[in-house]
C-alpha atoms as a PDB file:
ATOM      1  CA  MET A   1      96.344 130.383  92.650  1.00  0.00           C
ATOM      2  CA  MET A   2      93.874 127.764  91.423  1.00  0.00           C
ATOM      3  CA  ALA A   3      90.153 128.441  91.689  1.00  0.00           C
ATOM      4  CA  GLY A   4      88.511 126.986  94.788  1.00  0.00           C
ATOM      5  CA  MET A   5      91.852 126.470  96.568  1.00  0.00           C
ATOM      6  CA  SER A   6      92.751 128.474  99.650  1.00  0.00           C
ATOM      7  CA  MET A   7      96.164 130.064 100.024  1.00  0.00           C
ATOM      8  CA  ARG A   8      96.991 127.563 102.773  1.00  0.00           C
ATOM      9  CA  ASP A   9      96.089 124.606 100.552  1.00  0.00           C
ATOM     10  CA  PHE A  10      98.037 126.098  97.654  1.00  0.00           C
ATOM     11  CA  ILE A  11     101.160 126.540  99.774  1.00  0.00           C
ATOM     12  CA  GLY A  12     100.772 123.032 101.218  1.00  0.00           C
ATOM     13  CA  ARG A  13     100.498 121.485  97.765  1.00  0.00           C
ATOM     14  CA  TYR A  14     102.911 123.587  95.744  1.00  0.00           C
ATOM     15  CA  GLY A  15     105.047 125.486  98.263  1.00  0.00           C
ATOM     16  CA  THR A  16     107.993 123.069  98.148  1.00  0.00           C
ATOM     17  CA  ALA A  17     107.889 122.986  94.359  1.00  0.00           C
ATOM     18  CA  LEU A  18     107.947 126.791  94.227  1.00  0.00           C
ATOM     19  CA  ALA A  19     110.880 126.812  96.650  1.00  0.00           C
ATOM     20  CA  GLY A  20     112.655 124.394  94.304  1.00  0.00           C
ATOM     21  CA  LEU A  21     112.028 126.704  91.359  1.00  0.00           C
ATOM     22  CA  LEU A  22     113.382 129.650  93.347  1.00  0.00           C
ATOM     23  CA  LEU A  23     116.489 127.615  94.133  1.00  0.00           C
ATOM     24  CA  ILE A  24     117.027 126.997  90.421  1.00  0.00           C
ATOM     25  CA  VAL A  25     116.573 130.708  89.705  1.00  0.00           C
ATOM     26  CA  PHE A  26     119.108 131.531  92.441  1.00  0.00           C
ATOM     27  CA  PHE A  27     121.754 129.272  90.913  1.00  0.00           C
ATOM     28  CA  VAL A  28     121.038 130.609  87.427  1.00  0.00           C
ATOM     29  CA  ALA A  29     121.686 134.110  88.738  1.00  0.00           C
ATOM     30  CA  PHE A  30     124.657 133.500  91.030  1.00  0.00           C
ATOM     31  CA  ALA A  31     126.415 130.206  90.204  1.00  0.00           C
ATOM     32  CA  PRO A  32     129.058 130.603  87.475  1.00  0.00           C
ATOM     33  CA  ASN A  33     128.274 128.599  84.303  1.00  0.00           C
ATOM     34  CA  PHE A  34     125.183 127.025  85.849  1.00  0.00           C
ATOM     35  CA  ALA A  35     122.938 128.063  82.968  1.00  0.00           C
ATOM     36  CA  THR A  36     125.242 126.816  80.193  1.00  0.00           C
ATOM     37  CA  THR A  37     123.799 124.192  77.891  1.00  0.00           C
ATOM     38  CA  MET A  38     126.483 121.663  78.806  1.00  0.00           C
ATOM     39  CA  ASN A  39     125.873 122.035  82.529  1.00  0.00           C
ATOM     40  CA  ILE A  40     122.089 121.820  82.196  1.00  0.00           C
ATOM     41  CA  VAL A  41     122.395 118.658  80.102  1.00  0.00           C
ATOM     42  CA  ASN A  42     124.760 117.149  82.684  1.00  0.00           C
ATOM     43  CA  VAL A  43     122.324 117.961  85.505  1.00  0.00           C
ATOM     44  CA  LEU A  44     119.468 116.334  83.590  1.00  0.00           C
ATOM     45  CA  LYS A  45     121.571 113.235  82.941  1.00  0.00           C
ATOM     46  CA  ASP A  46     122.538 112.944  86.609  1.00  0.00           C
ATOM     47  CA  THR A  47     118.912 113.440  87.564  1.00  0.00           C
ATOM     48  CA  SER A  48     117.894 110.515  85.360  1.00  0.00           C
ATOM     49  CA  PHE A  49     119.872 107.963  87.389  1.00  0.00           C
ATOM     50  CA  LEU A  50     118.583 109.270  90.702  1.00  0.00           C
ATOM     51  CA  ALA A  51     114.969 109.728  89.631  1.00  0.00           C
ATOM     52  CA  ILE A  52     114.605 106.249  88.113  1.00  0.00           C
ATOM     53  CA  LEU A  53     116.022 104.633  91.243  1.00  0.00           C
ATOM     54  CA  ALA A  54     113.877 106.866  93.463  1.00  0.00           C
ATOM     55  CA  LEU A  55     110.734 105.967  91.519  1.00  0.00           C
ATOM     56  CA  GLY A  56     111.377 102.339  92.420  1.00  0.00           C
ATOM     57  CA  PHE A  57     111.563 103.291  96.090  1.00  0.00           C
ATOM     58  CA  ALA A  58     108.384 105.362  95.659  1.00  0.00           C
ATOM     59  CA  LEU A  59     106.440 102.445  94.147  1.00  0.00           C
ATOM     60  CA  ALA A  60     107.439 100.224  97.061  1.00  0.00           C
ATOM     61  CA  PHE A  61     106.525 103.031  99.458  1.00  0.00           C
ATOM     62  CA  THR A  62     103.162 103.355  97.723  1.00  0.00           C
ATOM     63  CA  VAL A  63     102.239  99.939  99.153  1.00  0.00           C
ATOM     64  CA  ALA A  64     103.628 101.024 102.549  1.00  0.00           C
ATOM     65  CA  GLU A  65     106.898  99.105 102.280  1.00  0.00           C
ATOM     66  CA  LEU A  66     110.473 100.366 102.509  1.00  0.00           C
ATOM     67  CA  ASP A  67     113.068  98.983 100.117  1.00  0.00           C
ATOM     68  CA  LEU A  68     116.498  99.790 101.494  1.00  0.00           C
ATOM     69  CA  SER A  69     118.165  97.339  99.111  1.00  0.00           C
ATOM     70  CA  ILE A  70     117.696  99.371  95.926  1.00  0.00           C
ATOM     71  CA  SER A  71     121.238 100.748  95.752  1.00  0.00           C
ATOM     72  CA  GLU A  72     122.918  97.406  96.452  1.00  0.00           C
ATOM     73  CA  MET A  73     120.603  95.662  93.989  1.00  0.00           C
ATOM     74  CA  ALA A  74     121.608  98.262  91.424  1.00  0.00           C
ATOM     75  CA  SER A  75     125.310  97.722  92.152  1.00  0.00           C
ATOM     76  CA  LEU A  76     124.966  93.943  91.778  1.00  0.00           C
ATOM     77  CA  ALA A  77     122.947  94.284  88.571  1.00  0.00           C
ATOM     78  CA  ALA A  78     125.597  96.651  87.179  1.00  0.00           C
ATOM     79  CA  VAL A  79     128.350  94.190  88.084  1.00  0.00           C
ATOM     80  CA  VAL A  80     126.536  91.297  86.400  1.00  0.00           C
ATOM     81  CA  CYS A  81     125.884  93.437  83.334  1.00  0.00           C
ATOM     82  CA  GLY A  82     129.467  94.739  83.153  1.00  0.00           C
ATOM     83  CA  TRP A  83     130.898  91.263  83.713  1.00  0.00           C
ATOM     84  CA  LEU A  84     129.002  89.838  80.736  1.00  0.00           C
ATOM     85  CA  VAL A  85     129.868  92.823  78.521  1.00  0.00           C
ATOM     86  CA  GLN A  86     133.522  92.420  79.542  1.00  0.00           C
ATOM     87  CA  LEU A  87     133.322  88.754  78.506  1.00  0.00           C
ATOM     88  CA  GLN A  88     131.994  89.957  75.123  1.00  0.00           C
ATOM     89  CA  TYR A  89     128.502  88.575  75.480  1.00  0.00           C
ATOM     90  CA  PRO A  90     125.933  90.414  73.328  1.00  0.00           C
ATOM     91  CA  PRO A  91     124.707  93.593  75.050  1.00  0.00           C
ATOM     92  CA  LEU A  92     121.144  92.280  74.977  1.00  0.00           C
ATOM     93  CA  VAL A  93     122.189  89.265  77.053  1.00  0.00           C
ATOM     94  CA  ALA A  94     123.991  91.492  79.559  1.00  0.00           C
ATOM     95  CA  VAL A  95     120.989  93.795  79.904  1.00  0.00           C
ATOM     96  CA  ALA A  96     118.626  90.832  80.320  1.00  0.00           C
ATOM     97  CA  ALA A  97     120.865  89.385  83.036  1.00  0.00           C
ATOM     98  CA  ALA A  98     120.898  92.717  84.887  1.00  0.00           C
ATOM     99  CA  LEU A  99     117.111  92.916  84.734  1.00  0.00           C
ATOM    100  CA  ALA A 100     116.908  89.343  86.004  1.00  0.00           C
ATOM    101  CA  VAL A 101     118.869  90.397  89.098  1.00  0.00           C
ATOM    102  CA  GLY A 102     116.249  93.019  89.906  1.00  0.00           C
ATOM    103  CA  VAL A 103     113.364  90.643  89.230  1.00  0.00           C
ATOM    104  CA  VAL A 104     114.824  87.890  91.426  1.00  0.00           C
ATOM    105  CA  LEU A 105     115.821  90.111  94.351  1.00  0.00           C
ATOM    106  CA  GLY A 106     112.629  92.154  94.155  1.00  0.00           C
ATOM    107  CA  SER A 107     110.637  88.920  94.224  1.00  0.00           C
ATOM    108  CA  VAL A 108     112.677  87.671  97.185  1.00  0.00           C
ATOM    109  CA  ASN A 109     111.870  90.886  99.053  1.00  0.00           C
ATOM    110  CA  GLY A 110     108.196  90.494  98.253  1.00  0.00           C
ATOM    111  CA  TYR A 111     108.173  86.873  99.406  1.00  0.00           C
ATOM    112  CA  GLY A 112     109.945  87.701 102.649  1.00  0.00           C
ATOM    113  CA  VAL A 113     107.566  90.557 103.462  1.00  0.00           C
ATOM    114  CA  THR A 114     104.268  88.884 102.526  1.00  0.00           C
ATOM    115  CA  VAL A 115     104.882  85.189 103.202  1.00  0.00           C
ATOM    116  CA  LEU A 116     107.545  85.129 105.921  1.00  0.00           C
ATOM    117  CA  ARG A 117     106.054  88.288 107.461  1.00  0.00           C
ATOM    118  CA  ILE A 118     109.431  89.969 107.885  1.00  0.00           C
ATOM    119  CA  PRO A 119     109.181  93.784 108.179  1.00  0.00           C
ATOM    120  CA  SER A 120     110.414  95.347 104.962  1.00  0.00           C
ATOM    121  CA  LEU A 121     112.987  97.418 106.852  1.00  0.00           C
ATOM    122  CA  ILE A 122     114.695  94.220 107.999  1.00  0.00           C
ATOM    123  CA  MET A 123     114.043  92.131 104.888  1.00  0.00           C
ATOM    124  CA  THR A 124     115.513  94.631 102.469  1.00  0.00           C
ATOM    125  CA  LEU A 125     118.514  95.339 104.670  1.00  0.00           C
ATOM    126  CA  GLY A 126     119.249  91.613 104.561  1.00  0.00           C
ATOM    127  CA  THR A 127     118.825  91.540 100.782  1.00  0.00           C
ATOM    128  CA  ALA A 128     121.145  94.531 100.489  1.00  0.00           C
ATOM    129  CA  ALA A 129     123.860  92.713 102.435  1.00  0.00           C
ATOM    130  CA  ILE A 130     123.480  89.614 100.254  1.00  0.00           C
ATOM    131  CA  ALA A 131     123.609  91.656  97.046  1.00  0.00           C
ATOM    132  CA  LYS A 132     126.697  93.511  98.249  1.00  0.00           C
ATOM    133  CA  GLY A 133     128.416  90.231  99.073  1.00  0.00           C
ATOM    134  CA  PHE A 134     127.706  88.764  95.646  1.00  0.00           C
ATOM    135  CA  ALA A 135     128.900  91.947  93.928  1.00  0.00           C
ATOM    136  CA  PHE A 136     132.254  91.787  95.714  1.00  0.00           C
ATOM    137  CA  MET A 137     132.490  88.039  95.103  1.00  0.00           C
ATOM    138  CA  ILE A 138     132.059  88.494  91.349  1.00  0.00           C
ATOM    139  CA  THR A 139     134.488  91.398  91.051  1.00  0.00           C
ATOM    140  CA  GLN A 140     136.882  90.481  93.869  1.00  0.00           C
ATOM    141  CA  GLY A 141     136.695  94.163  94.703  1.00  0.00           C
ATOM    142  CA  VAL A 142     138.058  95.293  91.323  1.00  0.00           C
ATOM    143  CA  ALA A 143     135.821  97.227  88.925  1.00  0.00           C
ATOM    144  CA  PHE A 144     135.189  95.976  85.405  1.00  0.00           C
ATOM    145  CA  VAL A 145     136.432  98.665  83.017  1.00  0.00           C
ATOM    146  CA  GLY A 146     136.927  98.578  79.270  1.00  0.00           C
ATOM    147  CA  ARG A 147     136.174  99.910  75.820  1.00  0.00           C
ATOM    148  CA  TRP A 148     132.690  98.512  75.665  1.00  0.00           C
ATOM    149  CA  PRO A 149     130.604  98.271  72.479  1.00  0.00           C
ATOM    150  CA  THR A 150     128.762 101.413  71.443  1.00  0.00           C
ATOM    151  CA  GLY A 151     125.618  99.338  71.112  1.00  0.00           C
ATOM    152  CA  PHE A 152     125.693  99.120  74.890  1.00  0.00           C
ATOM    153  CA  THR A 153     127.194 102.470  75.927  1.00  0.00           C
ATOM    154  CA  GLY A 154     124.833 104.260  73.552  1.00  0.00           C
ATOM    155  CA  LEU A 155     121.948 103.354  75.858  1.00  0.00           C
ATOM    156  CA  ALA A 156     123.148 106.110  78.183  1.00  0.00           C
ATOM    157  CA  ARG A 157     125.589 108.219  76.170  1.00  0.00           C
ATOM    158  CA  GLY A 158     123.667 108.454  72.924  1.00  0.00           C
ATOM    159  CA  TYR A 159     121.096 110.932  71.636  1.00  0.00           C
ATOM    160  CA  SER A 160     117.779 110.345  69.904  1.00  0.00           C
ATOM    161  CA  PHE A 161     116.036 113.167  68.048  1.00  0.00           C
ATOM    162  CA  GLY A 162     118.577 115.545  69.575  1.00  0.00           C
ATOM    163  CA  ILE A 163     117.616 114.531  73.139  1.00  0.00           C
ATOM    164  CA  PRO A 164     119.976 112.617  75.475  1.00  0.00           C
ATOM    165  CA  ASN A 165     118.902 108.997  75.759  1.00  0.00           C
ATOM    166  CA  LEU A 166     119.115 109.243  79.541  1.00  0.00           C
ATOM    167  CA  VAL A 167     116.438 111.949  79.525  1.00  0.00           C
ATOM    168  CA  LEU A 168     114.263 109.781  77.276  1.00  0.00           C
ATOM    169  CA  TRP A 169     114.717 106.831  79.640  1.00  0.00           C
ATOM    170  CA  LEU A 170     113.632 109.024  82.531  1.00  0.00           C
ATOM    171  CA  ALA A 171     110.615 110.277  80.606  1.00  0.00           C
ATOM    172  CA  GLY A 172     109.608 106.721  79.696  1.00  0.00           C
ATOM    173  CA  VAL A 173     109.953 105.390  83.250  1.00  0.00           C
ATOM    174  CA  THR A 174     108.122 108.422  84.647  1.00  0.00           C
ATOM    175  CA  LEU A 175     105.205 107.956  82.248  1.00  0.00           C
ATOM    176  CA  PHE A 176     105.077 104.260  83.067  1.00  0.00           C
ATOM    177  CA  ALA A 177     105.035 104.851  86.840  1.00  0.00           C
ATOM    178  CA  TRP A 178     102.543 107.704  86.627  1.00  0.00           C
ATOM    179  CA  GLY A 179     100.270 105.759  84.280  1.00  0.00           C
ATOM    180  CA  LEU A 180     100.436 102.672  86.484  1.00  0.00           C
ATOM    181  CA  VAL A 181      99.497 104.531  89.668  1.00  0.00           C
ATOM    182  CA  LYS A 182      96.900 106.888  88.191  1.00  0.00           C
ATOM    183  CA  TRP A 183      95.289 105.003  85.330  1.00  0.00           C
ATOM    184  CA  THR A 184      95.281 101.285  86.109  1.00  0.00           C
ATOM    185  CA  ARG A 185      93.324  99.093  88.490  1.00  0.00           C
ATOM    186  CA  THR A 186      96.593  97.642  89.778  1.00  0.00           C
ATOM    187  CA  GLY A 187      97.814 101.136  90.629  1.00  0.00           C
ATOM    188  CA  ALA A 188      94.582 101.983  92.428  1.00  0.00           C
ATOM    189  CA  HIS A 189      94.866  98.768  94.413  1.00  0.00           C
ATOM    190  CA  MET A 190      98.482  99.578  95.279  1.00  0.00           C
ATOM    191  CA  VAL A 191      97.469 103.003  96.600  1.00  0.00           C
ATOM    192  CA  ALA A 192      94.585 101.521  98.589  1.00  0.00           C
ATOM    193  CA  THR A 193      96.913  98.885 100.051  1.00  0.00           C
ATOM    194  CA  GLY A 194      99.397 101.517 101.152  1.00  0.00           C
ATOM    195  CA  GLU A 195      96.777 103.798 102.692  1.00  0.00           C
ATOM    196  CA  ALA A 196      94.795 101.142 104.593  1.00  0.00           C
ATOM    197  CA  ASP A 197      95.808  97.576 103.880  1.00  0.00           C
ATOM    198  CA  GLU A 198      93.283  95.918 106.192  1.00  0.00           C
ATOM    199  CA  ALA A 199      90.397  97.889 104.741  1.00  0.00           C
ATOM    200  CA  ALA A 200      91.687  97.142 101.244  1.00  0.00           C
ATOM    201  CA  ARG A 201      91.883  93.429 102.050  1.00  0.00           C
ATOM    202  CA  LEU A 202      88.316  93.399 103.369  1.00  0.00           C
ATOM    203  CA  ALA A 203      87.247  95.146 100.167  1.00  0.00           C
ATOM    204  CA  GLY A 204      88.609  92.216  98.167  1.00  0.00           C
ATOM    205  CA  ILE A 205      91.984  93.611  97.125  1.00  0.00           C
ATOM    206  CA  ALA A 206      94.867  91.122  97.058  1.00  0.00           C
ATOM    207  CA  THR A 207      97.035  93.267  99.319  1.00  0.00           C
ATOM    208  CA  ALA A 208      99.887  90.765  99.566  1.00  0.00           C
ATOM    209  CA  ARG A 209     100.085  90.650  95.777  1.00  0.00           C
ATOM    210  CA  MET A 210     100.137  94.463  95.624  1.00  0.00           C
ATOM    211  CA  LYS A 211     103.044  94.547  98.063  1.00  0.00           C
ATOM    212  CA  ARG A 212     104.928  91.992  95.987  1.00  0.00           C
ATOM    213  CA  ILE A 213     104.328  94.072  92.865  1.00  0.00           C
ATOM    214  CA  GLY A 214     105.613  97.230  94.571  1.00  0.00           C
ATOM    215  CA  LEU A 215     108.808  95.537  95.733  1.00  0.00           C
ATOM    216  CA  LEU A 216     109.268  93.788  92.389  1.00  0.00           C
ATOM    217  CA  LEU A 217     109.031  97.101  90.532  1.00  0.00           C
ATOM    218  CA  ALA A 218     111.586  98.608  92.908  1.00  0.00           C
ATOM    219  CA  GLY A 219     113.981  95.817  91.911  1.00  0.00           C
ATOM    220  CA  VAL A 220     113.309  96.245  88.194  1.00  0.00           C
ATOM    221  CA  LEU A 221     113.884 100.001  88.288  1.00  0.00           C
ATOM    222  CA  ALA A 222     117.059  99.449  90.304  1.00  0.00           C
ATOM    223  CA  SER A 223     118.281  97.176  87.500  1.00  0.00           C
ATOM    224  CA  ILE A 224     117.395  99.728  84.816  1.00  0.00           C
ATOM    225  CA  THR A 225     119.372 102.325  86.768  1.00  0.00           C
ATOM    226  CA  ALA A 226     122.266  99.868  86.948  1.00  0.00           C
ATOM    227  CA  VAL A 227     122.324  99.258  83.204  1.00  0.00           C
ATOM    228  CA  LEU A 228     122.318 102.989  82.484  1.00  0.00           C
ATOM    229  CA  LEU A 229     125.063 103.668  85.038  1.00  0.00           C
ATOM    230  CA  ALA A 230     127.275 100.921  83.606  1.00  0.00           C
ATOM    231  CA  ALA A 231     126.635 102.072  80.038  1.00  0.00           C
ATOM    232  CA  ASN A 232     127.365 105.693  80.885  1.00  0.00           C
ATOM    233  CA  LEU A 233     130.600 104.992  82.767  1.00  0.00           C
ATOM    234  CA  SER A 234     131.827 101.969  80.764  1.00  0.00           C
ATOM    235  CA  SER A 235     132.557 100.386  84.097  1.00  0.00           C
ATOM    236  CA  ALA A 236     130.909  98.394  86.853  1.00  0.00           C
ATOM    237  CA  ALA A 237     132.001  98.391  90.486  1.00  0.00           C
ATOM    238  CA  PRO A 238     130.534  96.562  93.496  1.00  0.00           C
ATOM    239  CA  ASN A 239     129.629  99.811  95.259  1.00  0.00           C
ATOM    240  CA  MET A 240     128.868 102.044  92.284  1.00  0.00           C
ATOM    241  CA  ALA A 241     125.280 102.841  93.317  1.00  0.00           C
ATOM    242  CA  GLY A 242     125.874 102.938  97.065  1.00  0.00           C
ATOM    243  CA  ASP A 243     125.751 106.726  97.339  1.00  0.00           C
ATOM    244  CA  TYR A 244     122.344 106.869  95.656  1.00  0.00           C
ATOM    245  CA  LEU A 245     120.335 105.319  98.504  1.00  0.00           C
ATOM    246  CA  LEU A 246     120.070 108.364 100.746  1.00  0.00           C
ATOM    247  CA  TYR A 247     119.462 110.649  97.778  1.00  0.00           C
ATOM    248  CA  ALA A 248     116.705 108.361  96.484  1.00  0.00           C
ATOM    249  CA  ILE A 249     115.034 108.304  99.893  1.00  0.00           C
ATOM    250  CA  ALA A 250     115.377 112.086 100.134  1.00  0.00           C
ATOM    251  CA  ALA A 251     113.832 112.506  96.670  1.00  0.00           C
ATOM    252  CA  VAL A 252     110.786 110.432  97.620  1.00  0.00           C
ATOM    253  CA  LEU A 253     110.342 112.102 101.004  1.00  0.00           C
ATOM    254  CA  LEU A 254     110.839 115.595  99.592  1.00  0.00           C
ATOM    255  CA  GLY A 255     108.414 114.682  96.815  1.00  0.00           C
ATOM    256  CA  MET A 256     105.836 113.831  99.476  1.00  0.00           C
ATOM    257  CA  THR A 257     105.794 117.490 100.544  1.00  0.00           C
ATOM    258  CA  MET A 258     104.465 118.645  97.162  1.00  0.00           C
ATOM    259  CA  PHE A 259     101.652 117.952  94.673  1.00  0.00           C
ATOM    260  CA  GLU A 260     100.121 115.200  96.829  1.00  0.00           C
ATOM    261  CA  PRO A 261     101.282 116.084 100.353  1.00  0.00           C
ATOM    262  CA  GLY A 262     101.880 113.113 102.622  1.00  0.00           C
ATOM    263  CA  LYS A 263     101.797 110.561  99.804  1.00  0.00           C
ATOM    264  CA  PRO A 264     104.596 109.136  97.643  1.00  0.00           C
ATOM    265  CA  ASN A 265     103.893 110.447  94.154  1.00  0.00           C
ATOM    266  CA  VAL A 266     105.568 110.307  90.776  1.00  0.00           C
ATOM    267  CA  PRO A 267     105.785 114.012  89.797  1.00  0.00           C
ATOM    268  CA  GLY A 268     106.929 114.988  93.281  1.00  0.00           C
ATOM    269  CA  THR A 269     109.659 112.331  93.280  1.00  0.00           C
ATOM    270  CA  VAL A 270     111.008 113.321  89.859  1.00  0.00           C
ATOM    271  CA  PHE A 271     110.961 117.049  90.602  1.00  0.00           C
ATOM    272  CA  ALA A 272     112.594 116.483  93.998  1.00  0.00           C
ATOM    273  CA  ALA A 273     115.345 114.441  92.328  1.00  0.00           C
ATOM    274  CA  LEU A 274     115.958 117.359  89.962  1.00  0.00           C
ATOM    275  CA  VAL A 275     116.075 119.809  92.868  1.00  0.00           C
ATOM    276  CA  LEU A 276     118.590 117.658  94.747  1.00  0.00           C
ATOM    277  CA  LYS A 277     120.855 117.414  91.692  1.00  0.00           C
ATOM    278  CA  VAL A 278     120.521 121.142  91.018  1.00  0.00           C
ATOM    279  CA  LEU A 279     121.421 121.806  94.653  1.00  0.00           C
ATOM    280  CA  GLY A 280     124.535 119.632  94.489  1.00  0.00           C
ATOM    281  CA  ASN A 281     125.644 121.073  91.168  1.00  0.00           C
ATOM    282  CA  GLY A 282     125.005 124.655  92.233  1.00  0.00           C
ATOM    283  CA  LEU A 283     126.910 124.296  95.494  1.00  0.00           C
ATOM    284  CA  VAL A 284     129.915 122.894  93.629  1.00  0.00           C
ATOM    285  CA  LEU A 285     129.856 125.783  91.156  1.00  0.00           C
ATOM    286  CA  LEU A 286     129.685 128.223  94.060  1.00  0.00           C
ATOM    287  CA  GLY A 287     132.835 126.630  95.475  1.00  0.00           C
ATOM    288  CA  GLN A 288     131.246 125.084  98.560  1.00  0.00           C
ATOM    289  CA  PRO A 289     133.017 122.097 100.187  1.00  0.00           C
ATOM    290  CA  TYR A 290     131.603 118.653  99.368  1.00  0.00           C
ATOM    291  CA  TYR A 291     130.449 118.078 102.928  1.00  0.00           C
ATOM    292  CA  VAL A 292     127.978 120.955 102.691  1.00  0.00           C
ATOM    293  CA  GLN A 293     125.917 118.759 100.343  1.00  0.00           C
ATOM    294  CA  ASP A 294     125.777 116.009 102.968  1.00  0.00           C
ATOM    295  CA  ILE A 295     124.680 118.460 105.654  1.00  0.00           C
ATOM    296  CA  VAL A 296     121.931 119.888 103.453  1.00  0.00           C
ATOM    297  CA  LEU A 297     120.832 116.394 102.409  1.00  0.00           C
ATOM    298  CA  GLY A 298     120.501 115.371 106.048  1.00  0.00           C
ATOM    299  CA  LEU A 299     118.420 118.446 106.821  1.00  0.00           C
ATOM    300  CA  ILE A 300     116.147 117.712 103.859  1.00  0.00           C
ATOM    301  CA  ILE A 301     115.603 114.121 104.996  1.00  0.00           C
ATOM    302  CA  ILE A 302     114.842 115.155 108.590  1.00  0.00           C
ATOM    303  CA  GLY A 303     112.461 117.901 107.489  1.00  0.00           C
ATOM    304  CA  SER A 304     110.681 115.678 104.978  1.00  0.00           C
ATOM    305  CA  VAL A 305     110.240 112.838 107.470  1.00  0.00           C
ATOM    306  CA  ALA A 306     108.876 115.302 110.035  1.00  0.00           C
ATOM    307  CA  PHE A 307     106.281 116.302 107.452  1.00  0.00           C
ATOM    308  CA  SER A 308     105.199 112.747 106.683  1.00  0.00           C
ATOM    309  CA  ALA A 309     106.239 110.898 109.826  1.00  0.00           C
ATOM    310  CA  SER A 310     103.145 108.707 110.010  1.00  0.00           C
ATOM    311  CA  ALA A 311     103.687 107.226 106.546  1.00  0.00           C
ATOM    312  CA  MET A 312     107.358 106.509 107.246  1.00  0.00           C
ATOM    313  CA  LYS A 313     106.615 104.944 110.629  1.00  0.00           C
ATOM    314  CA  LYS A 314     103.925 102.733 109.126  1.00  0.00           C
ATOM    315  CA  ALA A 315     106.204 101.468 106.368  1.00  0.00           C
ATOM    316  CA  ALA A 316     109.236 100.971 108.592  1.00  0.00           C
ATOM    317  CA  PHE A 317     107.765  99.199 111.572  1.00  0.00           C
ATOM    318  CA  LYS A 318     104.583  97.496 110.484  1.00  0.00           C
ATOM    319  CA  VAL A 319     104.713  93.709 110.843  1.00  0.00           C
END
């Protein structure tokens, strides 16, 4: 236990993280093949997709806004990217187009929340519906699949210095998000906006701009997730990221129970994403039915929201 910290404070700050570590130890001991190198690498790769998307949600949540469009934005960005790769455009063009999707939709969310004064819960649900419609319009409901150039698929499937590129992408995005929030004036202003926007505004902080930045970053990270998903699978479908929304929300909320209790935070989000992927992988290896994961996920979301109900209520219903 750290000096100057009571047992109660220690448990409040690190208890969930320790429980996550114990869960990993349990699966190492009892789940067949869990500790094999191949399985660990696969878990880390799966964690990368979830954690990057969840960090986008966390940055929006940092400014007290909910972005429920992240998974549909990611699906649309993946479709646009896969469509251009399928048409044999240079991979750089396809990636740029996918990023543009996130920038545009993230900016639209920011405009709707700060200028039109639409609650983010409603605004981002509307954006999600629009993105889903465009994704199905482009694909006509049929996934783009092909033997795509290695220059593109290598973004997710390749290795650099013996480390999977997906893990390096996660490390880079994590360092960016952590550095932004902890070491920049913009990050400090984002935190202040999320904690007390009226007080921050009276102190001279451009709170509307901070909210737009948070929602814009959520869109950009959704697009990065989309590019990596498409590159890893060599396919792009209109609903390919749909299942990630609840897991991303759960990762952020579970992350709020550790390290910086009650606040969306980068290390908590990333570690929670790892715990969720370990949990899913371990349950499969133990032979549990797929629906057990959904039940556990629901319990995690309910428990996490109960812990930080005030922050969720503020983000969801503030006008």
